[in-house]
Amino acid sequence: MAGSNLYTGTLDLLVLKAVSWGPRHGYAIGRWIRETTDDVLVVQEGVLYPALHRLERRGLLKEEWRRSETGRDAKYYTLTTAGRRELRAETSRWIEHTRAVNRALAVST
C-alpha cells in the first residue's frame, strides 16, 4: 500500500497530529508515530521527510532550525493556522471513513 493515496493521506494526518502540541523535529515525529501506534506504523526517513516537505509546501507546516535535546541543530516543524484547520477537517473525515469501512467489514455473508 506504500505510495497509495490512502497511505499518503494517513501519513499526512499523523504528521499533523504529531506536531499539534508543539514543534518537533523529523526524528521525533517518526518516533511519535511509531510509539503511539505500538510499533505497528514505522515510517522510514525516505517517506517521512518528503511528506514533511510536501506539507510545508502546502502551507500546513512551517519550519525553523533549533538546537535539539541532543545539542545538534535540527529542523523543527510546527503547525500553521491552515494546518490546524486541515487537521480538524481530516480527522473528521478519517473517523467517518473508518466507521464506514468497519461497518462494511462487519457484514457477514
PDB file of N, CA and C in Angstrom:
ATOM      1  N   MET A   1       0.815  -1.187   0.000  1.00  0.00           N
ATOM      2  CA  MET A   1       0.000   0.000   0.000  1.00  0.00           C
ATOM      3  C   MET A   1       0.864   1.259   0.000  1.00  0.00           C
ATOM      4  N   ALA A   2       2.147   1.154   0.264  1.00  0.00           N
ATOM      5  CA  ALA A   2       3.023   2.316   0.279  1.00  0.00           C
ATOM      6  C   ALA A   2       2.917   3.064  -1.040  1.00  0.00           C
ATOM      7  N   GLY A   3       2.801   4.383  -0.933  1.00  0.00           N
ATOM      8  CA  GLY A   3       2.714   5.195  -2.126  1.00  0.00           C
ATOM      9  C   GLY A   3       1.298   5.461  -2.580  1.00  0.00           C
ATOM     10  N   SER A   4       0.325   4.740  -2.030  1.00  0.00           N
ATOM     11  CA  SER A   4      -1.055   4.972  -2.430  1.00  0.00           C
ATOM     12  C   SER A   4      -1.578   6.246  -1.787  1.00  0.00           C
ATOM     13  N   ASN A   5      -2.689   6.769  -2.328  1.00  0.00           N
ATOM     14  CA  ASN A   5      -3.290   7.969  -1.756  1.00  0.00           C
ATOM     15  C   ASN A   5      -3.743   7.738  -0.327  1.00  0.00           C
ATOM     16  N   LEU A   6      -4.243   6.539  -0.024  1.00  0.00           N
ATOM     17  CA  LEU A   6      -4.684   6.233   1.328  1.00  0.00           C
ATOM     18  C   LEU A   6      -3.502   6.319   2.285  1.00  0.00           C
ATOM     19  N   TYR A   7      -2.387   5.717   1.921  1.00  0.00           N
ATOM     20  CA  TYR A   7      -1.213   5.752   2.784  1.00  0.00           C
ATOM     21  C   TYR A   7      -0.709   7.178   2.935  1.00  0.00           C
ATOM     22  N   THR A   8      -0.632   7.933   1.847  1.00  0.00           N
ATOM     23  CA  THR A   8      -0.148   9.310   1.899  1.00  0.00           C
ATOM     24  C   THR A   8      -1.054  10.154   2.783  1.00  0.00           C
ATOM     25  N   GLY A   9      -2.350  10.031   2.610  1.00  0.00           N
ATOM     26  CA  GLY A   9      -3.288  10.791   3.432  1.00  0.00           C
ATOM     27  C   GLY A   9      -3.196  10.435   4.893  1.00  0.00           C
ATOM     28  N   THR A  10      -3.015   9.160   5.190  1.00  0.00           N
ATOM     29  CA  THR A  10      -2.870   8.716   6.567  1.00  0.00           C
ATOM     30  C   THR A  10      -1.596   9.279   7.170  1.00  0.00           C
ATOM     31  N   LEU A  11      -0.509   9.215   6.438  1.00  0.00           N
ATOM     32  CA  LEU A  11       0.763   9.749   6.933  1.00  0.00           C
ATOM     33  C   LEU A  11       0.645  11.246   7.171  1.00  0.00           C
ATOM     34  N   ASP A  12       0.053  11.976   6.245  1.00  0.00           N
ATOM     35  CA  ASP A  12      -0.103  13.420   6.417  1.00  0.00           C
ATOM     36  C   ASP A  12      -0.895  13.728   7.686  1.00  0.00           C
ATOM     37  N   LEU A  13      -1.970  13.007   7.906  1.00  0.00           N
ATOM     38  CA  LEU A  13      -2.801  13.216   9.091  1.00  0.00           C
ATOM     39  C   LEU A  13      -2.003  12.936  10.365  1.00  0.00           C
ATOM     40  N   LEU A  14      -1.243  11.862  10.375  1.00  0.00           N
ATOM     41  CA  LEU A  14      -0.445  11.526  11.560  1.00  0.00           C
ATOM     42  C   LEU A  14       0.658  12.552  11.815  1.00  0.00           C
ATOM     43  N   VAL A  15       1.276  13.054  10.757  1.00  0.00           N
ATOM     44  CA  VAL A  15       2.305  14.088  10.922  1.00  0.00           C
ATOM     45  C   VAL A  15       1.683  15.349  11.505  1.00  0.00           C
ATOM     46  N   LEU A  16       0.549  15.770  10.972  1.00  0.00           N
ATOM     47  CA  LEU A  16      -0.115  16.961  11.509  1.00  0.00           C
ATOM     48  C   LEU A  16      -0.472  16.766  12.979  1.00  0.00           C
ATOM     49  N   LYS A  17      -0.953  15.593  13.324  1.00  0.00           N
ATOM     50  CA  LYS A  17      -1.292  15.307  14.724  1.00  0.00           C
ATOM     51  C   LYS A  17      -0.036  15.334  15.600  1.00  0.00           C
ATOM     52  N   ALA A  18       1.053  14.800  15.092  1.00  0.00           N
ATOM     53  CA  ALA A  18       2.302  14.742  15.867  1.00  0.00           C
ATOM     54  C   ALA A  18       2.808  16.122  16.253  1.00  0.00           C
ATOM     55  N   VAL A  19       2.594  17.096  15.406  1.00  0.00           N
ATOM     56  CA  VAL A  19       3.087  18.448  15.705  1.00  0.00           C
ATOM     57  C   VAL A  19       2.001  19.350  16.284  1.00  0.00           C
ATOM     58  N   SER A  20       0.827  18.798  16.553  1.00  0.00           N
ATOM     59  CA  SER A  20      -0.277  19.630  17.030  1.00  0.00           C
ATOM     60  C   SER A  20      -0.054  20.155  18.443  1.00  0.00           C
ATOM     61  N   TRP A  21       0.838  19.544  19.216  1.00  0.00           N
ATOM     62  CA  TRP A  21       1.102  20.002  20.585  1.00  0.00           C
ATOM     63  C   TRP A  21       2.321  20.905  20.669  1.00  0.00           C
ATOM     64  N   GLY A  22       3.008  21.076  19.562  1.00  0.00           N
ATOM     65  CA  GLY A  22       4.178  21.946  19.568  1.00  0.00           C
ATOM     66  C   GLY A  22       5.224  21.454  18.592  1.00  0.00           C
ATOM     67  N   PRO A  23       6.295  22.220  18.445  1.00  0.00           N
ATOM     68  CA  PRO A  23       7.336  21.901  17.467  1.00  0.00           C
ATOM     69  C   PRO A  23       7.991  20.546  17.719  1.00  0.00           C
ATOM     70  N   ARG A  24       8.264  19.838  16.642  1.00  0.00           N
ATOM     71  CA  ARG A  24       9.004  18.567  16.695  1.00  0.00           C
ATOM     72  C   ARG A  24       9.905  18.483  15.484  1.00  0.00           C
ATOM     73  N   HIS A  25      11.044  17.842  15.671  1.00  0.00           N
ATOM     74  CA  HIS A  25      11.912  17.586  14.516  1.00  0.00           C
ATOM     75  C   HIS A  25      11.507  16.255  13.901  1.00  0.00           C
ATOM     76  N   GLY A  26      12.013  16.005  12.706  1.00  0.00           N
ATOM     77  CA  GLY A  26      11.598  14.838  11.938  1.00  0.00           C
ATOM     78  C   GLY A  26      11.726  13.522  12.679  1.00  0.00           C
ATOM     79  N   TYR A  27      12.868  13.311  13.332  1.00  0.00           N
ATOM     80  CA  TYR A  27      13.062  12.049  14.051  1.00  0.00           C
ATOM     81  C   TYR A  27      12.009  11.886  15.145  1.00  0.00           C
ATOM     82  N   ALA A  28      11.702  12.975  15.868  1.00  0.00           N
ATOM     83  CA  ALA A  28      10.708  12.909  16.945  1.00  0.00           C
ATOM     84  C   ALA A  28       9.316  12.632  16.392  1.00  0.00           C
ATOM     85  N   ILE A  29       9.017  13.151  15.212  1.00  0.00           N
ATOM     86  CA  ILE A  29       7.721  12.886  14.574  1.00  0.00           C
ATOM     87  C   ILE A  29       7.605  11.396  14.244  1.00  0.00           C
ATOM     88  N   GLY A  30       8.639  10.849  13.632  1.00  0.00           N
ATOM     89  CA  GLY A  30       8.643   9.425  13.311  1.00  0.00           C
ATOM     90  C   GLY A  30       8.536   8.559  14.553  1.00  0.00           C
ATOM     91  N   ARG A  31       9.249   8.950  15.609  1.00  0.00           N
ATOM     92  CA  ARG A  31       9.205   8.197  16.872  1.00  0.00           C
ATOM     93  C   ARG A  31       7.804   8.269  17.479  1.00  0.00           C
ATOM     94  N   TRP A  32       7.174   9.455  17.442  1.00  0.00           N
ATOM     95  CA  TRP A  32       5.821   9.604  17.981  1.00  0.00           C
ATOM     96  C   TRP A  32       4.852   8.680  17.253  1.00  0.00           C
ATOM     97  N   ILE A  33       4.932   8.640  15.947  1.00  0.00           N
ATOM     98  CA  ILE A  33       4.047   7.766  15.168  1.00  0.00           C
ATOM     99  C   ILE A  33       4.270   6.309  15.551  1.00  0.00           C
ATOM    100  N   ARG A  34       5.517   5.899  15.621  1.00  0.00           N
ATOM    101  CA  ARG A  34       5.838   4.514  15.977  1.00  0.00           C
ATOM    102  C   ARG A  34       5.328   4.185  17.383  1.00  0.00           C
ATOM    103  N   GLU A  35       5.626   5.042  18.346  1.00  0.00           N
ATOM    104  CA  GLU A  35       5.261   4.755  19.735  1.00  0.00           C
ATOM    105  C   GLU A  35       3.753   4.787  19.968  1.00  0.00           C
ATOM    106  N   THR A  36       3.057   5.741  19.362  1.00  0.00           N
ATOM    107  CA  THR A  36       1.620   5.839  19.608  1.00  0.00           C
ATOM    108  C   THR A  36       0.823   4.763  18.872  1.00  0.00           C
ATOM    109  N   THR A  37       1.440   4.100  17.917  1.00  0.00           N
ATOM    110  CA  THR A  37       0.769   3.006  17.219  1.00  0.00           C
ATOM    111  C   THR A  37       1.319   1.647  17.664  1.00  0.00           C
ATOM    112  N   ASP A  38       2.016   1.633  18.792  1.00  0.00           N
ATOM    113  CA  ASP A  38       2.588   0.392  19.329  1.00  0.00           C
ATOM    114  C   ASP A  38       3.428  -0.342  18.294  1.00  0.00           C
ATOM    115  N   ASP A  39       4.248   0.416  17.579  1.00  0.00           N
ATOM    116  CA  ASP A  39       5.179  -0.119  16.576  1.00  0.00           C
ATOM    117  C   ASP A  39       4.496  -0.749  15.363  1.00  0.00           C
ATOM    118  N   VAL A  40       3.202  -0.517  15.187  1.00  0.00           N
ATOM    119  CA  VAL A  40       2.511  -1.027  14.007  1.00  0.00           C
ATOM    120  C   VAL A  40       2.891  -0.197  12.785  1.00  0.00           C
ATOM    121  N   LEU A  41       2.954   1.128  12.963  1.00  0.00           N
ATOM    122  CA  LEU A  41       3.323   2.018  11.860  1.00  0.00           C
ATOM    123  C   LEU A  41       4.737   2.551  12.111  1.00  0.00           C
ATOM    124  N   VAL A  42       5.652   2.138  11.273  1.00  0.00           N
ATOM    125  CA  VAL A  42       7.036   2.602  11.346  1.00  0.00           C
ATOM    126  C   VAL A  42       7.311   3.323  10.030  1.00  0.00           C
ATOM    127  N   VAL A  43       7.524   4.622  10.120  1.00  0.00           N
ATOM    128  CA  VAL A  43       7.699   5.444   8.930  1.00  0.00           C
ATOM    129  C   VAL A  43       9.188   5.622   8.669  1.00  0.00           C
ATOM    130  N   GLN A  44       9.623   5.172   7.523  1.00  0.00           N
ATOM    131  CA  GLN A  44      11.026   5.298   7.139  1.00  0.00           C
ATOM    132  C   GLN A  44      11.340   6.750   6.778  1.00  0.00           C
ATOM    133  N   GLU A  45      12.603   7.153   6.992  1.00  0.00           N
ATOM    134  CA  GLU A  45      13.021   8.521   6.683  1.00  0.00           C
ATOM    135  C   GLU A  45      12.739   8.894   5.237  1.00  0.00           C
ATOM    136  N   GLY A  46      12.919   7.954   4.320  1.00  0.00           N
ATOM    137  CA  GLY A  46      12.708   8.214   2.907  1.00  0.00           C
ATOM    138  C   GLY A  46      11.263   8.503   2.550  1.00  0.00           C
ATOM    139  N   VAL A  47      10.350   8.221   3.465  1.00  0.00           N
ATOM    140  CA  VAL A  47       8.932   8.518   3.279  1.00  0.00           C
ATOM    141  C   VAL A  47       8.544   9.737   4.117  1.00  0.00           C
ATOM    142  N   LEU A  48       9.092   9.821   5.336  1.00  0.00           N
ATOM    143  CA  LEU A  48       8.717  10.890   6.254  1.00  0.00           C
ATOM    144  C   LEU A  48       9.149  12.270   5.760  1.00  0.00           C
ATOM    145  N   TYR A  49      10.403  12.410   5.366  1.00  0.00           N
ATOM    146  CA  TYR A  49      10.899  13.746   5.007  1.00  0.00           C
ATOM    147  C   TYR A  49      10.243  14.309   3.750  1.00  0.00           C
ATOM    148  N   PRO A  50       9.974  13.511   2.737  1.00  0.00           N
ATOM    149  CA  PRO A  50       9.194  14.056   1.615  1.00  0.00           C
ATOM    150  C   PRO A  50       7.789  14.498   2.048  1.00  0.00           C
ATOM    151  N   ALA A  51       7.188  13.769   2.990  1.00  0.00           N
ATOM    152  CA  ALA A  51       5.866  14.165   3.496  1.00  0.00           C
ATOM    153  C   ALA A  51       5.955  15.504   4.225  1.00  0.00           C
ATOM    154  N   LEU A  52       6.979  15.681   5.043  1.00  0.00           N
ATOM    155  CA  LEU A  52       7.160  16.956   5.741  1.00  0.00           C
ATOM    156  C   LEU A  52       7.317  18.107   4.751  1.00  0.00           C
ATOM    157  N   HIS A  53       8.125  17.892   3.718  1.00  0.00           N
ATOM    158  CA  HIS A  53       8.331  18.937   2.710  1.00  0.00           C
ATOM    159  C   HIS A  53       7.039  19.221   1.932  1.00  0.00           C
ATOM    160  N   ARG A  54       6.281  18.171   1.635  1.00  0.00           N
ATOM    161  CA  ARG A  54       5.011  18.340   0.917  1.00  0.00           C
ATOM    162  C   ARG A  54       4.036  19.165   1.769  1.00  0.00           C
ATOM    163  N   LEU A  55       3.944  18.861   3.060  1.00  0.00           N
ATOM    164  CA  LEU A  55       3.040  19.593   3.946  1.00  0.00           C
ATOM    165  C   LEU A  55       3.487  21.044   4.116  1.00  0.00           C
ATOM    166  N   GLU A  56       4.781  21.246   4.112  1.00  0.00           N
ATOM    167  CA  GLU A  56       5.295  22.608   4.199  1.00  0.00           C
ATOM    168  C   GLU A  56       4.952  23.399   2.924  1.00  0.00           C
ATOM    169  N   ARG A  57       5.131  22.782   1.766  1.00  0.00           N
ATOM    170  CA  ARG A  57       4.797  23.442   0.500  1.00  0.00           C
ATOM    171  C   ARG A  57       3.316  23.807   0.438  1.00  0.00           C
ATOM    172  N   ARG A  58       2.478  22.992   1.048  1.00  0.00           N
ATOM    173  CA  ARG A  58       1.037  23.248   1.071  1.00  0.00           C
ATOM    174  C   ARG A  58       0.650  24.304   2.107  1.00  0.00           C
ATOM    175  N   GLY A  59       1.621  24.760   2.894  1.00  0.00           N
ATOM    176  CA  GLY A  59       1.361  25.793   3.895  1.00  0.00           C
ATOM    177  C   GLY A  59       0.768  25.264   5.184  1.00  0.00           C
ATOM    178  N   LEU A  60       0.855  23.953   5.409  1.00  0.00           N
ATOM    179  CA  LEU A  60       0.284  23.343   6.611  1.00  0.00           C
ATOM    180  C   LEU A  60       1.291  23.249   7.745  1.00  0.00           C
ATOM    181  N   LEU A  61       2.572  23.262   7.404  1.00  0.00           N
ATOM    182  CA  LEU A  61       3.658  23.257   8.383  1.00  0.00           C
ATOM    183  C   LEU A  61       4.602  24.399   8.072  1.00  0.00           C
ATOM    184  N   LYS A  62       5.277  24.872   9.107  1.00  0.00           N
ATOM    185  CA  LYS A  62       6.396  25.788   8.899  1.00  0.00           C
ATOM    186  C   LYS A  62       7.592  25.196   9.628  1.00  0.00           C
ATOM    187  N   GLU A  63       8.763  25.585   9.201  1.00  0.00           N
ATOM    188  CA  GLU A  63       9.985  25.007   9.766  1.00  0.00           C
ATOM    189  C   GLU A  63      10.862  26.097  10.351  1.00  0.00           C
ATOM    190  N   GLU A  64      11.678  25.707  11.312  1.00  0.00           N
ATOM    191  CA  GLU A  64      12.721  26.583  11.824  1.00  0.00           C
ATOM    192  C   GLU A  64      13.831  25.718  12.422  1.00  0.00           C
ATOM    193  N   TRP A  65      15.045  26.189  12.269  1.00  0.00           N
ATOM    194  CA  TRP A  65      16.194  25.474  12.813  1.00  0.00           C
ATOM    195  C   TRP A  65      16.336  25.817  14.283  1.00  0.00           C
ATOM    196  N   ARG A  66      16.563  24.781  15.097  1.00  0.00           N
ATOM    197  CA  ARG A  66      16.768  24.924  16.542  1.00  0.00           C
ATOM    198  C   ARG A  66      17.799  23.892  16.982  1.00  0.00           C
ATOM    199  N   ARG A  67      18.247  24.073  18.189  1.00  0.00           N
ATOM    200  CA  ARG A  67      19.126  23.083  18.799  1.00  0.00           C
ATOM    201  C   ARG A  67      18.236  22.010  19.429  1.00  0.00           C
ATOM    202  N   SER A  68      18.532  20.746  19.123  1.00  0.00           N
ATOM    203  CA  SER A  68      17.718  19.633  19.647  1.00  0.00           C
ATOM    204  C   SER A  68      18.167  19.289  21.065  1.00  0.00           C
ATOM    205  N   GLU A  69      17.448  18.353  21.664  1.00  0.00           N
ATOM    206  CA  GLU A  69      17.765  17.913  23.023  1.00  0.00           C
ATOM    207  C   GLU A  69      19.135  17.234  23.099  1.00  0.00           C
ATOM    208  N   THR A  70      19.659  16.804  21.959  1.00  0.00           N
ATOM    209  CA  THR A  70      20.994  16.186  21.931  1.00  0.00           C
ATOM    210  C   THR A  70      22.089  17.204  21.637  1.00  0.00           C
ATOM    211  N   GLY A  71      21.696  18.483  21.478  1.00  0.00           N
ATOM    212  CA  GLY A  71      22.672  19.529  21.212  1.00  0.00           C
ATOM    213  C   GLY A  71      23.001  19.741  19.742  1.00  0.00           C
ATOM    214  N   ARG A  72      22.336  19.026  18.877  1.00  0.00           N
ATOM    215  CA  ARG A  72      22.562  19.172  17.435  1.00  0.00           C
ATOM    216  C   ARG A  72      21.521  20.114  16.846  1.00  0.00           C
ATOM    217  N   ASP A  73      21.895  20.770  15.760  1.00  0.00           N
ATOM    218  CA  ASP A  73      20.926  21.599  15.046  1.00  0.00           C
ATOM    219  C   ASP A  73      19.960  20.683  14.298  1.00  0.00           C
ATOM    220  N   ALA A  74      18.683  21.008  14.399  1.00  0.00           N
ATOM    221  CA  ALA A  74      17.658  20.198  13.734  1.00  0.00           C
ATOM    222  C   ALA A  74      16.558  21.117  13.233  1.00  0.00           C
ATOM    223  N   LYS A  75      15.901  20.693  12.178  1.00  0.00           N
ATOM    224  CA  LYS A  75      14.777  21.437  11.628  1.00  0.00           C
ATOM    225  C   LYS A  75      13.524  21.009  12.383  1.00  0.00           C
ATOM    226  N   TYR A  76      12.881  21.972  13.026  1.00  0.00           N
ATOM    227  CA  TYR A  76      11.653  21.719  13.773  1.00  0.00           C
ATOM    228  C   TYR A  76      10.462  22.177  12.941  1.00  0.00           C
ATOM    229  N   TYR A  77       9.405  21.392  13.006  1.00  0.00           N
ATOM    230  CA  TYR A  77       8.191  21.685  12.257  1.00  0.00           C
ATOM    231  C   TYR A  77       7.077  22.051  13.230  1.00  0.00           C
ATOM    232  N   THR A  78       6.307  23.073  12.859  1.00  0.00           N
ATOM    233  CA  THR A  78       5.141  23.475  13.646  1.00  0.00           C
ATOM    234  C   THR A  78       3.944  23.601  12.715  1.00  0.00           C
ATOM    235  N   LEU A  79       2.777  23.476  13.308  1.00  0.00           N
ATOM    236  CA  LEU A  79       1.523  23.573  12.581  1.00  0.00           C
ATOM    237  C   LEU A  79       1.193  25.043  12.326  1.00  0.00           C
ATOM    238  N   THR A  80       0.774  25.356  11.129  1.00  0.00           N
ATOM    239  CA  THR A  80       0.288  26.690  10.810  1.00  0.00           C
ATOM    240  C   THR A  80      -1.214  26.741  11.115  1.00  0.00           C
ATOM    241  N   THR A  81      -1.792  27.907  11.003  1.00  0.00           N
ATOM    242  CA  THR A  81      -3.242  28.035  11.182  1.00  0.00           C
ATOM    243  C   THR A  81      -3.972  27.155  10.162  1.00  0.00           C
ATOM    244  N   ALA A  82      -3.499  27.179   8.918  1.00  0.00           N
ATOM    245  CA  ALA A  82      -4.099  26.322   7.880  1.00  0.00           C
ATOM    246  C   ALA A  82      -3.904  24.849   8.237  1.00  0.00           C
ATOM    247  N   GLY A  83      -2.776  24.516   8.836  1.00  0.00           N
ATOM    248  CA  GLY A  83      -2.514  23.139   9.255  1.00  0.00           C
ATOM    249  C   GLY A  83      -3.473  22.686  10.338  1.00  0.00           C
ATOM    250  N   ARG A  84      -3.795  23.571  11.263  1.00  0.00           N
ATOM    251  CA  ARG A  84      -4.768  23.228  12.317  1.00  0.00           C
ATOM    252  C   ARG A  84      -6.156  22.980  11.726  1.00  0.00           C
ATOM    253  N   ARG A  85      -6.549  23.832  10.765  1.00  0.00           N
ATOM    254  CA  ARG A  85      -7.841  23.617  10.092  1.00  0.00           C
ATOM    255  C   ARG A  85      -7.848  22.286   9.359  1.00  0.00           C
ATOM    256  N   GLU A  86      -6.763  21.999   8.649  1.00  0.00           N
ATOM    257  CA  GLU A  86      -6.644  20.737   7.907  1.00  0.00           C
ATOM    258  C   GLU A  86      -6.700  19.540   8.852  1.00  0.00           C
ATOM    259  N   LEU A  87      -6.025  19.636   9.975  1.00  0.00           N
ATOM    260  CA  LEU A  87      -6.035  18.546  10.955  1.00  0.00           C
ATOM    261  C   LEU A  87      -7.452  18.284  11.447  1.00  0.00           C
ATOM    262  N   ARG A  88      -8.184  19.317  11.785  1.00  0.00           N
ATOM    263  CA  ARG A  88      -9.574  19.132  12.247  1.00  0.00           C
ATOM    264  C   ARG A  88     -10.436  18.497  11.156  1.00  0.00           C
ATOM    265  N   ALA A  89     -10.335  19.024   9.942  1.00  0.00           N
ATOM    266  CA  ALA A  89     -11.159  18.518   8.841  1.00  0.00           C
ATOM    267  C   ALA A  89     -10.808  17.069   8.505  1.00  0.00           C
ATOM    268  N   GLU A  90      -9.530  16.784   8.397  1.00  0.00           N
ATOM    269  CA  GLU A  90      -9.110  15.432   8.023  1.00  0.00           C
ATOM    270  C   GLU A  90      -9.370  14.421   9.134  1.00  0.00           C
ATOM    271  N   THR A  91      -9.294  14.852  10.384  1.00  0.00           N
ATOM    272  CA  THR A  91      -9.623  13.951  11.495  1.00  0.00           C
ATOM    273  C   THR A  91     -11.087  13.545  11.405  1.00  0.00           C
ATOM    274  N   SER A  92     -11.963  14.502  11.143  1.00  0.00           N
ATOM    275  CA  SER A  92     -13.396  14.191  10.987  1.00  0.00           C
ATOM    276  C   SER A  92     -13.625  13.242   9.819  1.00  0.00           C
ATOM    277  N   ARG A  93     -12.980  13.524   8.681  1.00  0.00           N
ATOM    278  CA  ARG A  93     -13.123  12.643   7.517  1.00  0.00           C
ATOM    279  C   ARG A  93     -12.615  11.243   7.836  1.00  0.00           C
ATOM    280  N   TRP A  94     -11.473  11.160   8.527  1.00  0.00           N
ATOM    281  CA  TRP A  94     -10.888   9.857   8.864  1.00  0.00           C
ATOM    282  C   TRP A  94     -11.843   9.052   9.746  1.00  0.00           C
ATOM    283  N   ILE A  95     -12.407   9.689  10.756  1.00  0.00           N
ATOM    284  CA  ILE A  95     -13.329   8.986  11.656  1.00  0.00           C
ATOM    285  C   ILE A  95     -14.538   8.471  10.884  1.00  0.00           C
ATOM    286  N   GLU A  96     -15.100   9.301  10.022  1.00  0.00           N
ATOM    287  CA  GLU A  96     -16.237   8.879   9.200  1.00  0.00           C
ATOM    288  C   GLU A  96     -15.844   7.719   8.277  1.00  0.00           C
ATOM    289  N   HIS A  97     -14.683   7.829   7.666  1.00  0.00           N
ATOM    290  CA  HIS A  97     -14.190   6.790   6.751  1.00  0.00           C
ATOM    291  C   HIS A  97     -14.001   5.460   7.479  1.00  0.00           C
ATOM    292  N   THR A  98     -13.349   5.493   8.631  1.00  0.00           N
ATOM    293  CA  THR A  98     -13.088   4.237   9.344  1.00  0.00           C
ATOM    294  C   THR A  98     -14.378   3.602   9.854  1.00  0.00           C
ATOM    295  N   ARG A  99     -15.331   4.416  10.265  1.00  0.00           N
ATOM    296  CA  ARG A  99     -16.637   3.858  10.677  1.00  0.00           C
ATOM    297  C   ARG A  99     -17.295   3.127   9.511  1.00  0.00           C
ATOM    298  N   ALA A 100     -17.251   3.743   8.335  1.00  0.00           N
ATOM    299  CA  ALA A 100     -17.872   3.129   7.157  1.00  0.00           C
ATOM    300  C   ALA A 100     -17.166   1.827   6.787  1.00  0.00           C
ATOM    301  N   VAL A 101     -15.843   1.831   6.792  1.00  0.00           N
ATOM    302  CA  VAL A 101     -15.093   0.615   6.461  1.00  0.00           C
ATOM    303  C   VAL A 101     -15.361  -0.468   7.501  1.00  0.00           C
ATOM    304  N   ASN A 102     -15.386  -0.099   8.775  1.00  0.00           N
ATOM    305  CA  ASN A 102     -15.669  -1.083   9.824  1.00  0.00           C
ATOM    306  C   ASN A 102     -17.063  -1.692   9.657  1.00  0.00           C
ATOM    307  N   ARG A 103     -18.040  -0.877   9.286  1.00  0.00           N
ATOM    308  CA  ARG A 103     -19.401  -1.405   9.033  1.00  0.00           C
ATOM    309  C   ARG A 103     -19.375  -2.406   7.886  1.00  0.00           C
ATOM    310  N   ALA A 104     -18.679  -2.055   6.815  1.00  0.00           N
ATOM    311  CA  ALA A 104     -18.625  -2.945   5.669  1.00  0.00           C
ATOM    312  C   ALA A 104     -17.924  -4.256   6.020  1.00  0.00           C
ATOM    313  N   LEU A 105     -16.847  -4.183   6.790  1.00  0.00           N
ATOM    314  CA  LEU A 105     -16.110  -5.386   7.161  1.00  0.00           C
ATOM    315  C   LEU A 105     -16.876  -6.273   8.139  1.00  0.00           C
ATOM    316  N   ALA A 106     -17.787  -5.670   8.887  1.00  0.00           N
ATOM    317  CA  ALA A 106     -18.558  -6.435   9.865  1.00  0.00           C
ATOM    318  C   ALA A 106     -19.692  -7.226   9.231  1.00  0.00           C
ATOM    319  N   VAL A 107     -20.044  -6.942   7.992  1.00  0.00           N
ATOM    320  CA  VAL A 107     -21.139  -7.642   7.326  1.00  0.00           C
ATOM    321  C   VAL A 107     -20.700  -9.075   7.039  1.00  0.00           C
ATOM    322  N   SER A 108     -21.558  -9.997   7.447  1.00  0.00           N
ATOM    323  CA  SER A 108     -21.249 -11.393   7.159  1.00  0.00           C
ATOM    324  C   SER A 108     -22.149 -11.854   6.024  1.00  0.00           C
ATOM    325  N   THR A 109     -21.574 -12.686   5.172  1.00  0.00           N
ATOM    326  CA  THR A 109     -22.320 -13.148   4.004  1.00  0.00           C
ATOM    327  C   THR A 109     -22.869 -14.524   4.206  1.00  0.00           C
TER     328      THR A 109
END
